[in-house]
């Protein structure tokens, strides 16, 4: 493992433990060149997911792109990065557990909206407005009415 401080290629593992989700291994390392410590994360290599976009073009699934979109929807809201990271982990896990290697972008957007609906309703509406390309105030009202109807006891 290359040291991020000095570039030396050898280090020793000081501590190793699974992360909270159990999906990764966190390793604390010490550089054998400069002696500084740093942390690495080891993940299981999975088959690549391909996202099929609205225009039928394809690109590799990028969890950071999903996380960034969700972060934008949550700006100035009382939502921790850990909450969003966990939601993205869950979405990615759901996608990996399907037998499909190609996933339509609308499916990823719907999963993100479901997670955001549980986390923060304002963030959900913000994300939905971009994802569903709301064109006017009526589009917002329709979505808000659906949200309110979901909250009412049945």
C-alpha atoms as a PDB file:
ATOM      1  CA  UNK A   1       0.000   0.000   0.000  1.00  0.00           C
ATOM      2  CA  UNK A   2       1.511   3.302  -1.091  1.00  0.00           C
ATOM      3  CA  UNK A   3       1.886   5.854   1.711  1.00  0.00           C
ATOM      4  CA  UNK A   4      -0.173   8.992   1.003  1.00  0.00           C
ATOM      5  CA  UNK A   5       2.453  11.118   2.784  1.00  0.00           C
ATOM      6  CA  UNK A   6       5.803   9.987   1.407  1.00  0.00           C
ATOM      7  CA  UNK A   7       4.914   7.533  -1.390  1.00  0.00           C
ATOM      8  CA  UNK A   8       6.769   4.589   0.171  1.00  0.00           C
ATOM      9  CA  UNK A   9       5.266   1.267  -0.929  1.00  0.00           C
ATOM     10  CA  UNK A  10       5.442  -0.720   2.281  1.00  0.00           C
ATOM     11  CA  UNK A  11       3.352  -0.424   5.412  1.00  0.00           C
ATOM     12  CA  UNK A  12       2.277  -2.591   8.278  1.00  0.00           C
ATOM     13  CA  UNK A  13      -1.285  -3.133   9.437  1.00  0.00           C
ATOM     14  CA  UNK A  14      -1.735  -1.950  13.034  1.00  0.00           C
ATOM     15  CA  UNK A  15      -5.462  -2.578  13.394  1.00  0.00           C
ATOM     16  CA  UNK A  16      -8.089  -4.245  11.249  1.00  0.00           C
ATOM     17  CA  UNK A  17     -11.852  -4.363  11.826  1.00  0.00           C
ATOM     18  CA  UNK A  18     -15.098  -4.505   9.868  1.00  0.00           C
ATOM     19  CA  UNK A  19     -17.093  -1.298   9.405  1.00  0.00           C
ATOM     20  CA  UNK A  20     -20.534  -0.956  10.977  1.00  0.00           C
ATOM     21  CA  UNK A  21     -22.284  -2.345   7.912  1.00  0.00           C
ATOM     22  CA  UNK A  22     -19.862  -5.271   7.698  1.00  0.00           C
ATOM     23  CA  UNK A  23     -19.409  -4.557   3.984  1.00  0.00           C
ATOM     24  CA  UNK A  24     -15.845  -3.246   4.304  1.00  0.00           C
ATOM     25  CA  UNK A  25     -12.709  -3.801   6.311  1.00  0.00           C
ATOM     26  CA  UNK A  26     -11.088  -0.754   7.904  1.00  0.00           C
ATOM     27  CA  UNK A  27      -7.324  -1.066   8.235  1.00  0.00           C
ATOM     28  CA  UNK A  28      -5.109   1.278  10.231  1.00  0.00           C
ATOM     29  CA  UNK A  29      -1.619   1.244   8.711  1.00  0.00           C
ATOM     30  CA  UNK A  30       1.789   2.623   9.537  1.00  0.00           C
ATOM     31  CA  UNK A  31       4.258   3.534   6.786  1.00  0.00           C
ATOM     32  CA  UNK A  32       7.570   1.708   7.100  1.00  0.00           C
ATOM     33  CA  UNK A  33       9.278   4.660   5.386  1.00  0.00           C
ATOM     34  CA  UNK A  34       8.149   7.760   7.288  1.00  0.00           C
ATOM     35  CA  UNK A  35       6.276   6.182  10.226  1.00  0.00           C
ATOM     36  CA  UNK A  36       3.050   8.139   9.667  1.00  0.00           C
ATOM     37  CA  UNK A  37      -0.281   6.399  10.101  1.00  0.00           C
ATOM     38  CA  UNK A  38      -3.198   6.280   7.674  1.00  0.00           C
ATOM     39  CA  UNK A  39      -6.460   4.393   7.186  1.00  0.00           C
ATOM     40  CA  UNK A  40      -7.512   2.270   4.228  1.00  0.00           C
ATOM     41  CA  UNK A  41     -10.785   0.517   3.456  1.00  0.00           C
ATOM     42  CA  UNK A  42     -11.003  -2.828   1.743  1.00  0.00           C
ATOM     43  CA  UNK A  43     -14.195  -3.770  -0.093  1.00  0.00           C
ATOM     44  CA  UNK A  44     -15.353  -6.896  -1.835  1.00  0.00           C
ATOM     45  CA  UNK A  45     -15.001  -6.581  -5.566  1.00  0.00           C
ATOM     46  CA  UNK A  46     -18.346  -6.940  -7.231  1.00  0.00           C
ATOM     47  CA  UNK A  47     -19.497  -7.248 -10.796  1.00  0.00           C
ATOM     48  CA  UNK A  48     -19.823  -3.838 -12.368  1.00  0.00           C
ATOM     49  CA  UNK A  49     -23.282  -2.345 -12.664  1.00  0.00           C
ATOM     50  CA  UNK A  50     -24.172  -0.495 -15.841  1.00  0.00           C
ATOM     51  CA  UNK A  51     -26.713   2.316 -15.702  1.00  0.00           C
ATOM     52  CA  UNK A  52     -29.006   2.658 -18.714  1.00  0.00           C
ATOM     53  CA  UNK A  53     -29.901   6.335 -18.984  1.00  0.00           C
ATOM     54  CA  UNK A  54     -33.087   7.877 -20.418  1.00  0.00           C
ATOM     55  CA  UNK A  55     -31.437   8.408 -23.806  1.00  0.00           C
ATOM     56  CA  UNK A  56     -30.442   4.689 -23.842  1.00  0.00           C
ATOM     57  CA  UNK A  57     -26.749   5.514 -23.352  1.00  0.00           C
ATOM     58  CA  UNK A  58     -24.884   3.437 -20.799  1.00  0.00           C
ATOM     59  CA  UNK A  59     -22.333   4.281 -18.130  1.00  0.00           C
ATOM     60  CA  UNK A  60     -20.817   2.523 -15.133  1.00  0.00           C
ATOM     61  CA  UNK A  61     -22.691   2.927 -11.847  1.00  0.00           C
ATOM     62  CA  UNK A  62     -21.011   5.619  -9.777  1.00  0.00           C
ATOM     63  CA  UNK A  63     -22.026   5.647  -6.112  1.00  0.00           C
ATOM     64  CA  UNK A  64     -20.399   9.073  -5.684  1.00  0.00           C
ATOM     65  CA  UNK A  65     -22.674  10.544  -8.338  1.00  0.00           C
ATOM     66  CA  UNK A  66     -25.705   9.191  -6.463  1.00  0.00           C
ATOM     67  CA  UNK A  67     -24.348  10.388  -3.111  1.00  0.00           C
ATOM     68  CA  UNK A  68     -23.625  13.869  -4.504  1.00  0.00           C
ATOM     69  CA  UNK A  69     -27.150  14.157  -5.897  1.00  0.00           C
ATOM     70  CA  UNK A  70     -28.608  13.187  -2.549  1.00  0.00           C
ATOM     71  CA  UNK A  71     -26.239  15.584  -0.738  1.00  0.00           C
ATOM     72  CA  UNK A  72     -27.437  18.473  -2.914  1.00  0.00           C
ATOM     73  CA  UNK A  73     -31.046  17.666  -2.015  1.00  0.00           C
ATOM     74  CA  UNK A  74     -30.107  17.682   1.685  1.00  0.00           C
ATOM     75  CA  UNK A  75     -28.252  20.999   1.801  1.00  0.00           C
ATOM     76  CA  UNK A  76     -29.071  22.988   4.930  1.00  0.00           C
ATOM     77  CA  UNK A  77     -31.148  20.117   6.311  1.00  0.00           C
ATOM     78  CA  UNK A  78     -30.456  18.284   9.609  1.00  0.00           C
ATOM     79  CA  UNK A  79     -29.106  15.174   7.866  1.00  0.00           C
ATOM     80  CA  UNK A  80     -25.714  13.659   8.604  1.00  0.00           C
ATOM     81  CA  UNK A  81     -23.328  12.429   5.956  1.00  0.00           C
ATOM     82  CA  UNK A  82     -23.435   9.025   7.659  1.00  0.00           C
ATOM     83  CA  UNK A  83     -27.205   8.804   7.129  1.00  0.00           C
ATOM     84  CA  UNK A  84     -26.821   9.484   3.421  1.00  0.00           C
ATOM     85  CA  UNK A  85     -23.822   7.217   3.060  1.00  0.00           C
ATOM     86  CA  UNK A  86     -25.815   4.402   4.698  1.00  0.00           C
ATOM     87  CA  UNK A  87     -28.726   5.032   2.317  1.00  0.00           C
ATOM     88  CA  UNK A  88     -26.396   4.888  -0.707  1.00  0.00           C
ATOM     89  CA  UNK A  89     -24.815   1.689   0.675  1.00  0.00           C
ATOM     90  CA  UNK A  90     -28.292   0.155   0.941  1.00  0.00           C
ATOM     91  CA  UNK A  91     -29.229   1.227  -2.589  1.00  0.00           C
ATOM     92  CA  UNK A  92     -25.974  -0.128  -4.000  1.00  0.00           C
ATOM     93  CA  UNK A  93     -26.462  -3.388  -2.102  1.00  0.00           C
ATOM     94  CA  UNK A  94     -30.012  -3.752  -3.459  1.00  0.00           C
ATOM     95  CA  UNK A  95     -28.757  -3.180  -6.989  1.00  0.00           C
ATOM     96  CA  UNK A  96     -25.879  -5.642  -6.567  1.00  0.00           C
ATOM     97  CA  UNK A  97     -28.262  -8.283  -5.202  1.00  0.00           C
ATOM     98  CA  UNK A  98     -30.408  -8.249  -8.313  1.00  0.00           C
ATOM     99  CA  UNK A  99     -29.425 -10.577 -11.108  1.00  0.00           C
ATOM    100  CA  UNK A 100     -29.463  -7.688 -13.561  1.00  0.00           C
ATOM    101  CA  UNK A 101     -26.127  -6.121 -14.505  1.00  0.00           C
ATOM    102  CA  UNK A 102     -27.847  -3.296 -16.376  1.00  0.00           C
ATOM    103  CA  UNK A 103     -30.087  -1.040 -14.294  1.00  0.00           C
ATOM    104  CA  UNK A 104     -32.322   1.707 -15.670  1.00  0.00           C
ATOM    105  CA  UNK A 105     -31.473   5.116 -14.205  1.00  0.00           C
ATOM    106  CA  UNK A 106     -35.120   5.624 -13.233  1.00  0.00           C
ATOM    107  CA  UNK A 107     -34.900   2.617 -10.896  1.00  0.00           C
ATOM    108  CA  UNK A 108     -31.921   4.169  -9.083  1.00  0.00           C
ATOM    109  CA  UNK A 109     -33.770   7.494  -8.859  1.00  0.00           C
ATOM    110  CA  UNK A 110     -36.859   5.797  -7.414  1.00  0.00           C
ATOM    111  CA  UNK A 111     -34.757   3.958  -4.815  1.00  0.00           C
ATOM    112  CA  UNK A 112     -33.042   7.227  -3.855  1.00  0.00           C
ATOM    113  CA  UNK A 113     -36.401   8.964  -3.482  1.00  0.00           C
ATOM    114  CA  UNK A 114     -37.720   6.160  -1.243  1.00  0.00           C
ATOM    115  CA  UNK A 115     -34.677   6.465   1.018  1.00  0.00           C
ATOM    116  CA  UNK A 116     -34.941  10.267   1.139  1.00  0.00           C
ATOM    117  CA  UNK A 117     -38.661  10.085   1.898  1.00  0.00           C
ATOM    118  CA  UNK A 118     -37.769   8.153   5.080  1.00  0.00           C
ATOM    119  CA  UNK A 119     -34.880  10.478   5.973  1.00  0.00           C
ATOM    120  CA  UNK A 120     -36.269  13.962   5.272  1.00  0.00           C
ATOM    121  CA  UNK A 121     -39.364  14.994   3.349  1.00  0.00           C
ATOM    122  CA  UNK A 122     -37.962  18.352   2.237  1.00  0.00           C
ATOM    123  CA  UNK A 123     -34.908  16.628   0.786  1.00  0.00           C
ATOM    124  CA  UNK A 124     -37.239  14.120  -0.863  1.00  0.00           C
ATOM    125  CA  UNK A 125     -39.225  16.881  -2.603  1.00  0.00           C
ATOM    126  CA  UNK A 126     -36.014  18.645  -3.671  1.00  0.00           C
ATOM    127  CA  UNK A 127     -34.608  15.428  -5.152  1.00  0.00           C
ATOM    128  CA  UNK A 128     -37.931  14.574  -6.809  1.00  0.00           C
ATOM    129  CA  UNK A 129     -38.160  18.044  -8.363  1.00  0.00           C
ATOM    130  CA  UNK A 130     -34.869  17.529 -10.177  1.00  0.00           C
ATOM    131  CA  UNK A 131     -35.304  13.830 -10.876  1.00  0.00           C
ATOM    132  CA  UNK A 132     -38.863  14.133 -12.185  1.00  0.00           C
ATOM    133  CA  UNK A 133     -38.049  17.420 -13.914  1.00  0.00           C
ATOM    134  CA  UNK A 134     -40.879  19.433 -12.379  1.00  0.00           C
ATOM    135  CA  UNK A 135     -41.770  22.136 -14.859  1.00  0.00           C
ATOM    136  CA  UNK A 136     -44.086  24.303 -12.759  1.00  0.00           C
ATOM    137  CA  UNK A 137     -45.603  24.833  -9.314  1.00  0.00           C
ATOM    138  CA  UNK A 138     -48.439  22.384 -10.080  1.00  0.00           C
ATOM    139  CA  UNK A 139     -45.900  19.575 -10.382  1.00  0.00           C
ATOM    140  CA  UNK A 140     -44.709  20.414  -6.878  1.00  0.00           C
ATOM    141  CA  UNK A 141     -48.271  20.518  -5.562  1.00  0.00           C
ATOM    142  CA  UNK A 142     -49.067  17.082  -6.982  1.00  0.00           C
ATOM    143  CA  UNK A 143     -45.990  15.604  -5.290  1.00  0.00           C
ATOM    144  CA  UNK A 144     -46.720  17.363  -1.995  1.00  0.00           C
ATOM    145  CA  UNK A 145     -50.317  16.093  -2.041  1.00  0.00           C
ATOM    146  CA  UNK A 146     -49.030  12.533  -2.541  1.00  0.00           C
ATOM    147  CA  UNK A 147     -46.634  13.013   0.368  1.00  0.00           C
ATOM    148  CA  UNK A 148     -49.404  14.337   2.609  1.00  0.00           C
ATOM    149  CA  UNK A 149     -51.727  11.495   1.604  1.00  0.00           C
ATOM    150  CA  UNK A 150     -49.031   8.968   2.563  1.00  0.00           C
ATOM    151  CA  UNK A 151     -48.768  10.545   6.033  1.00  0.00           C
ATOM    152  CA  UNK A 152     -52.503  10.383   6.771  1.00  0.00           C
ATOM    153  CA  UNK A 153     -53.659   7.299   8.706  1.00  0.00           C
ATOM    154  CA  UNK A 154     -55.559   4.877   6.516  1.00  0.00           C
END
